[in-house]
């Protein structure tokens, strides 16, 4: 009887159940203090898995899950981030890549986007340079030598704005054909945006106006040669208006000859319709007559 009573408390304690507490997000020191105060058995794993989205020495997973009822003797296994995260190797395909691709790459490497600056350059939204911990990298060749950076390091980006850094006079395109204007623009790395002037009396395909204009608006002087000229940079756009329309020669205005011709066509169509109805009626009458003859 005494032997049975000595085992009874242990046996009863073994059969008790508890609700598993939630320790995710707790710092290692806090969760140890908390679990010890509850007299719960636990095991810390800080090697096999890492959660890069959580802070160092912070619990990010537990088994069993919080809220489950388990035996009090059940051990709780907790995954905790290490004190120091392993360094991240930078990819060698950042310089010269599109800005959006580089941003996604940096985020996938668990790094952070730092300062973004723009520089005049023809390749729009292309990453020209990155800076990490004060060190600049301007070519992918520099990144092929196994560059490692700390977890959550900030990467500064220098991005091309799509414009060249040298200003020059706006070309005077008015009076040129569209083909000539496009050749001039291409030679100066400019972009032509076409608009069509349907009411112009200029020869078809001729540039009638442009924006920006060659001369600065409102800058009137006696000597034309001293007038200020607008400036552009490579990669910028010039709007031009072209005489005519994109499909070719504009449709000629409706005149009396057109009206007479159209009226004749309408009359012909009306007569053809009347003839068709008349023929159909005659055909129907013949069919009815044949049926009647057969019945007789």
Protein backbone atom coordinates (compact mmCIF):
# COMPACT_ATOMS: atom_id res chain seq x y z
CA UNK A 1 0.00 0.00 0.00
CA UNK A 2 2.85 2.38 0.86
CA UNK A 3 4.58 1.50 -2.38
CA UNK A 4 1.43 2.32 -4.36
CA UNK A 5 1.01 5.68 -2.60
CA UNK A 6 4.62 6.65 -3.35
CA UNK A 7 4.06 6.18 -7.10
CA UNK A 8 0.64 7.83 -7.15
CA UNK A 9 1.78 11.50 -7.38
CA UNK A 10 4.17 10.74 -10.23
CA UNK A 11 1.56 8.72 -12.08
CA UNK A 12 -1.07 11.43 -11.62
CA UNK A 13 1.36 14.16 -12.77
CA UNK A 14 2.15 12.13 -15.87
CA UNK A 15 -1.53 12.04 -16.82
CA UNK A 16 -2.01 15.86 -16.43
CA UNK A 17 -2.40 17.95 -19.61
CA UNK A 18 -1.46 21.54 -20.33
CA UNK A 19 -2.20 24.09 -23.03
CA UNK A 20 0.97 24.79 -25.01
CA UNK A 21 1.90 28.47 -24.59
CA UNK A 22 2.87 30.70 -27.52
CA UNK A 23 6.57 31.62 -27.39
CA UNK A 24 7.03 32.74 -31.02
CA UNK A 25 8.56 36.20 -31.16
CA UNK A 26 10.08 35.95 -27.68
CA UNK A 27 13.73 36.70 -27.09
CA UNK A 28 15.77 33.70 -25.97
CA UNK A 29 16.33 35.03 -22.43
CA UNK A 30 12.64 35.86 -22.00
CA UNK A 31 11.33 32.53 -23.25
CA UNK A 32 13.71 30.57 -20.99
CA UNK A 33 12.52 32.54 -17.96
CA UNK A 34 8.89 32.09 -19.02
CA UNK A 35 9.10 28.32 -19.58
CA UNK A 36 11.07 27.72 -16.38
CA UNK A 37 8.39 29.58 -14.42
CA UNK A 38 5.80 27.18 -15.89
CA UNK A 39 7.99 24.13 -15.10
CA UNK A 40 7.82 23.11 -18.76
CA UNK A 41 10.41 20.95 -20.47
CA UNK A 42 11.83 22.45 -23.67
CA UNK A 43 14.60 22.12 -26.21
CA UNK A 44 16.23 25.00 -28.14
CA UNK A 45 17.31 24.56 -31.78
CA UNK A 46 19.40 27.45 -33.13
CA UNK A 47 21.46 25.66 -35.78
CA UNK A 48 19.45 23.62 -38.28
CA UNK A 49 17.01 26.31 -39.41
CA UNK A 50 17.08 30.10 -39.73
CA UNK A 51 14.29 32.64 -40.22
CA UNK A 52 15.76 35.62 -42.01
CA UNK A 53 12.62 37.71 -41.54
CA UNK A 54 12.96 37.59 -37.74
CA UNK A 55 15.55 39.07 -35.42
CA UNK A 56 18.57 37.33 -33.93
CA UNK A 57 18.02 35.17 -30.81
CA UNK A 58 14.25 35.26 -31.36
CA UNK A 59 11.92 32.25 -31.40
CA UNK A 60 10.27 31.81 -34.79
CA UNK A 61 8.80 28.26 -34.61
CA UNK A 62 7.65 25.75 -32.01
CA UNK A 63 6.43 22.15 -31.83
CA UNK A 64 3.75 21.47 -30.63
CA UNK A 65 1.88 24.55 -31.81
CA UNK A 66 0.50 27.05 -29.34
CA UNK A 67 -3.00 26.28 -28.05
CA UNK A 68 -2.77 22.47 -28.29
CA UNK A 69 -3.49 20.31 -25.24
CA UNK A 70 -0.59 17.95 -24.48
CA UNK A 71 0.73 15.96 -21.56
CA UNK A 72 2.64 18.07 -19.08
CA UNK A 73 5.68 15.89 -19.65
CA UNK A 74 5.72 16.69 -23.39
CA UNK A 75 8.89 18.51 -24.42
CA UNK A 76 8.43 21.74 -26.42
CA UNK A 77 10.93 22.14 -29.26
CA UNK A 78 11.67 25.76 -30.13
CA UNK A 79 13.55 27.14 -33.15
CA UNK A 80 15.55 30.27 -32.35
CA UNK A 81 17.58 32.41 -34.74
CA UNK A 82 21.34 32.47 -34.14
CA UNK A 83 23.06 35.45 -32.56
CA UNK A 84 24.89 36.19 -35.84
CA UNK A 85 23.34 35.43 -39.23
CA UNK A 86 25.56 33.91 -41.92
CA UNK A 87 26.84 36.41 -44.47
CA UNK A 88 25.18 36.69 -47.87
CA UNK A 89 27.03 36.33 -51.17
CA UNK A 90 26.21 39.09 -53.67
CA UNK A 91 25.20 37.95 -57.13
CA UNK A 92 27.45 38.95 -60.02
CA UNK A 93 24.53 39.97 -62.27
CA UNK A 94 23.49 43.27 -60.69
CA UNK A 95 25.37 45.95 -62.61
CA UNK A 96 23.62 46.71 -65.91
CA UNK A 97 20.44 44.87 -64.91
CA UNK A 98 16.97 46.52 -64.84
CA UNK A 99 16.16 48.33 -61.60
CA UNK A 100 13.11 46.18 -60.75
CA UNK A 101 15.11 42.95 -61.24
CA UNK A 102 17.89 44.21 -58.96
CA UNK A 103 15.39 45.18 -56.25
CA UNK A 104 13.85 41.68 -56.34
CA UNK A 105 17.31 40.08 -56.23
CA UNK A 106 18.35 42.15 -53.20
CA UNK A 107 15.14 41.28 -51.34
CA UNK A 108 15.52 37.57 -52.15
CA UNK A 109 19.02 37.71 -50.64
CA UNK A 110 17.49 39.05 -47.40
CA UNK A 111 19.25 42.37 -47.90
CA UNK A 112 17.67 45.83 -47.80
CA UNK A 113 17.39 48.65 -50.34
CA UNK A 114 19.26 51.73 -49.18
CA UNK A 115 19.54 55.08 -50.91
CA UNK A 116 18.48 55.31 -54.58
CA UNK A 117 20.09 57.99 -56.74
CA UNK A 118 19.68 58.74 -60.44
CA UNK A 119 22.31 59.68 -62.99
CA UNK A 120 21.95 60.95 -66.57
CA UNK A 121 22.48 57.93 -68.80
CA UNK A 122 20.78 56.62 -71.93
CA UNK A 123 19.82 53.21 -70.56
CA UNK A 124 16.68 54.05 -68.58
CA UNK A 125 16.21 52.33 -65.18
CA UNK A 126 19.46 50.39 -65.49
CA UNK A 127 21.54 49.94 -62.34
CA UNK A 128 24.95 51.53 -62.95
CA UNK A 129 26.54 51.12 -59.54
CA UNK A 130 25.92 49.70 -56.06
CA UNK A 131 27.44 50.72 -52.74
CA UNK A 132 27.71 48.35 -49.77
CA UNK A 133 29.24 49.41 -46.45
CA UNK A 134 30.86 52.41 -48.16
CA UNK A 135 32.44 50.36 -50.96
CA UNK A 136 31.34 50.99 -54.55
CA UNK A 137 30.99 48.33 -57.25
CA UNK A 138 30.69 49.55 -60.85
CA UNK A 139 31.09 46.29 -62.78
CA UNK A 140 29.95 42.69 -62.42
CA UNK A 141 33.58 41.63 -62.67
CA UNK A 142 34.17 43.18 -59.24
CA UNK A 143 31.35 41.04 -57.84
CA UNK A 144 32.69 37.73 -59.16
CA UNK A 145 35.34 37.63 -56.42
CA UNK A 146 32.89 36.24 -53.82
CA UNK A 147 31.68 39.44 -52.16
CA UNK A 148 29.92 38.60 -48.89
CA UNK A 149 27.89 41.08 -46.84
CA UNK A 150 26.12 40.87 -43.49
CA UNK A 151 22.46 39.88 -43.23
CA UNK A 152 20.08 42.84 -43.77
CA UNK A 153 22.88 45.06 -45.08
CA UNK A 154 21.65 48.12 -46.98
CA UNK A 155 22.53 48.32 -50.67
CA UNK A 156 22.65 51.82 -52.22
CA UNK A 157 21.79 51.99 -55.93
CA UNK A 158 22.83 54.39 -58.68
CA UNK A 159 20.25 54.15 -61.48
CA UNK A 160 20.22 55.56 -65.03
CA UNK A 161 17.45 58.08 -65.71
CA UNK A 162 17.33 57.31 -69.45
CA UNK A 163 18.80 60.66 -70.49
CA UNK A 164 22.29 61.53 -71.66
CA UNK A 165 24.37 63.97 -69.64
CA UNK A 166 25.29 66.26 -72.58
CA UNK A 167 22.86 69.01 -73.60
CA UNK A 168 22.65 70.17 -77.20
CA UNK A 169 20.42 72.33 -79.39
CA UNK A 170 16.99 71.00 -80.28
CA UNK A 171 17.11 70.02 -83.97
CA UNK A 172 14.91 72.14 -86.24
CA UNK A 173 12.64 69.54 -87.85
CA UNK A 174 9.90 71.77 -89.30
CA UNK A 175 9.86 71.51 -93.09
CA UNK A 176 11.54 68.10 -93.15
CA UNK A 177 9.75 64.95 -94.20
CA UNK A 178 8.90 62.52 -91.42
CA UNK A 179 11.54 60.13 -92.74
CA UNK A 180 14.23 62.83 -92.66
CA UNK A 181 13.21 63.93 -89.14
CA UNK A 182 13.38 60.35 -87.85
CA UNK A 183 16.89 59.97 -89.29
CA UNK A 184 18.04 63.19 -87.57
CA UNK A 185 16.46 62.14 -84.27
CA UNK A 186 18.00 58.68 -84.42
CA UNK A 187 21.45 60.16 -85.00
CA UNK A 188 21.09 62.26 -81.84
CA UNK A 189 19.47 59.53 -79.69
CA UNK A 190 16.16 61.38 -79.54
CA UNK A 191 12.67 59.89 -79.68
CA UNK A 192 10.07 61.08 -82.19
CA UNK A 193 6.41 61.09 -81.11
CA UNK A 194 4.20 61.42 -84.21
CA UNK A 195 0.96 63.39 -84.40
CA UNK A 196 -0.97 64.00 -87.62
CA UNK A 197 -2.24 67.35 -88.88
CA UNK A 198 -5.24 66.52 -91.09
CA UNK A 199 -6.04 70.12 -92.00
CA UNK A 200 -2.58 71.23 -93.09
CA UNK A 201 -2.02 72.53 -96.62
CA UNK A 202 1.64 71.47 -96.50
CA UNK A 203 2.81 68.55 -98.68
CA UNK A 204 1.87 65.16 -97.25
CA UNK A 205 4.41 63.75 -94.80
CA UNK A 206 5.95 67.16 -94.02
CA UNK A 207 6.66 68.24 -90.43
CA UNK A 208 4.50 71.33 -89.78
CA UNK A 209 5.46 71.98 -86.14
CA UNK A 210 7.38 70.48 -83.23
CA UNK A 211 7.59 70.60 -79.44
CA UNK A 212 9.92 71.64 -77.96
CA UNK A 213 10.43 74.28 -80.62
CA UNK A 214 13.85 75.18 -81.97
CA UNK A 215 13.79 78.70 -80.49
CA UNK A 216 12.76 79.45 -76.90
CA UNK A 217 9.18 80.75 -76.96
CA UNK A 218 8.73 84.49 -76.39
CA UNK A 219 12.42 85.24 -76.80
CA UNK A 220 12.12 87.89 -79.53
CA UNK A 221 15.21 89.83 -80.65
CA UNK A 222 16.07 91.82 -83.75
CA UNK A 223 18.93 89.57 -84.76
CA UNK A 224 17.54 86.05 -85.24
CA UNK A 225 21.02 84.58 -84.79
CA UNK A 226 21.10 85.79 -81.18
CA UNK A 227 17.80 84.13 -80.19
CA UNK A 228 18.06 81.53 -77.45
CA UNK A 229 17.69 77.94 -78.62
CA UNK A 230 16.00 75.18 -76.60
CA UNK A 231 18.20 72.36 -75.32
CA UNK A 232 17.68 68.60 -75.12
CA UNK A 233 19.60 65.58 -73.90
CA UNK A 234 19.93 62.12 -75.47
CA UNK A 235 16.89 59.98 -74.73
CA UNK A 236 14.40 62.86 -74.61
CA UNK A 237 11.26 63.02 -76.75
CA UNK A 238 10.27 65.52 -79.44
CA UNK A 239 6.62 65.76 -80.52
CA UNK A 240 6.13 66.44 -84.23
CA UNK A 241 3.00 67.14 -86.29
CA UNK A 242 2.93 65.63 -89.77
CA UNK A 243 0.77 66.89 -92.64
CA UNK A 244 -1.77 64.27 -93.71
CA UNK A 245 -2.69 61.10 -91.88
CA UNK A 246 -1.04 57.84 -90.97
CA UNK A 247 -3.02 55.87 -93.54
CA UNK A 248 -1.89 58.00 -96.47
CA UNK A 249 -3.61 60.78 -98.43
CA UNK A 250 -6.58 62.31 -96.60
CA UNK A 251 -10.00 61.46 -97.95
CA UNK A 252 -11.20 64.19 -100.38
CA UNK A 253 -14.09 66.41 -99.43
CA UNK A 254 -17.63 65.44 -100.54
CA UNK A 255 -18.63 67.41 -103.66
CA UNK A 256 -21.63 67.53 -106.04
CA UNK A 257 -20.15 64.93 -108.38
CA UNK A 258 -19.80 62.55 -105.47
CA UNK A 259 -23.39 63.25 -104.48
CA UNK A 260 -24.72 62.53 -107.99
CA UNK A 261 -22.72 59.32 -108.20
CA UNK A 262 -23.89 58.21 -104.80
CA UNK A 263 -27.49 59.10 -105.66
CA UNK A 264 -27.31 57.01 -108.85
CA UNK A 265 -25.96 54.09 -106.84
CA UNK A 266 -28.87 54.38 -104.40
CA UNK A 267 -31.36 54.45 -107.28
CA UNK A 268 -29.75 51.38 -108.86
CA UNK A 269 -29.83 49.52 -105.56
CA UNK A 270 -33.49 50.44 -105.04
CA UNK A 271 -34.44 49.22 -108.54
CA UNK A 272 -32.55 45.94 -108.01
CA UNK A 273 -34.44 45.41 -104.76
CA UNK A 274 -37.81 46.08 -106.45
CA UNK A 275 -36.95 43.68 -109.29
CA UNK A 276 -35.96 40.99 -106.78
CA UNK A 277 -39.28 41.35 -104.93
CA UNK A 278 -41.22 41.24 -108.21
CA UNK A 279 -39.37 38.10 -109.33
CA UNK A 280 -40.01 36.43 -105.98
CA UNK A 281 -43.74 37.17 -106.20
CA UNK A 282 -43.92 35.81 -109.75
CA UNK A 283 -42.04 32.69 -108.69
CA UNK A 284 -44.44 32.22 -105.78
CA UNK A 285 -47.45 32.55 -108.04
CA UNK A 286 -46.04 29.90 -110.40
CA UNK A 287 -45.53 27.49 -107.49
CA UNK A 288 -49.09 28.01 -106.25
CA UNK A 289 -50.45 27.48 -109.79
CA UNK A 290 -48.52 24.21 -110.16
CA UNK A 291 -49.87 22.95 -106.82
CA UNK A 292 -53.42 23.80 -107.89
CA UNK A 293 -53.04 21.96 -111.20
CA UNK A 294 -51.77 18.84 -109.41
CA UNK A 295 -54.72 18.82 -107.04
CA UNK A 296 -57.15 18.99 -109.95
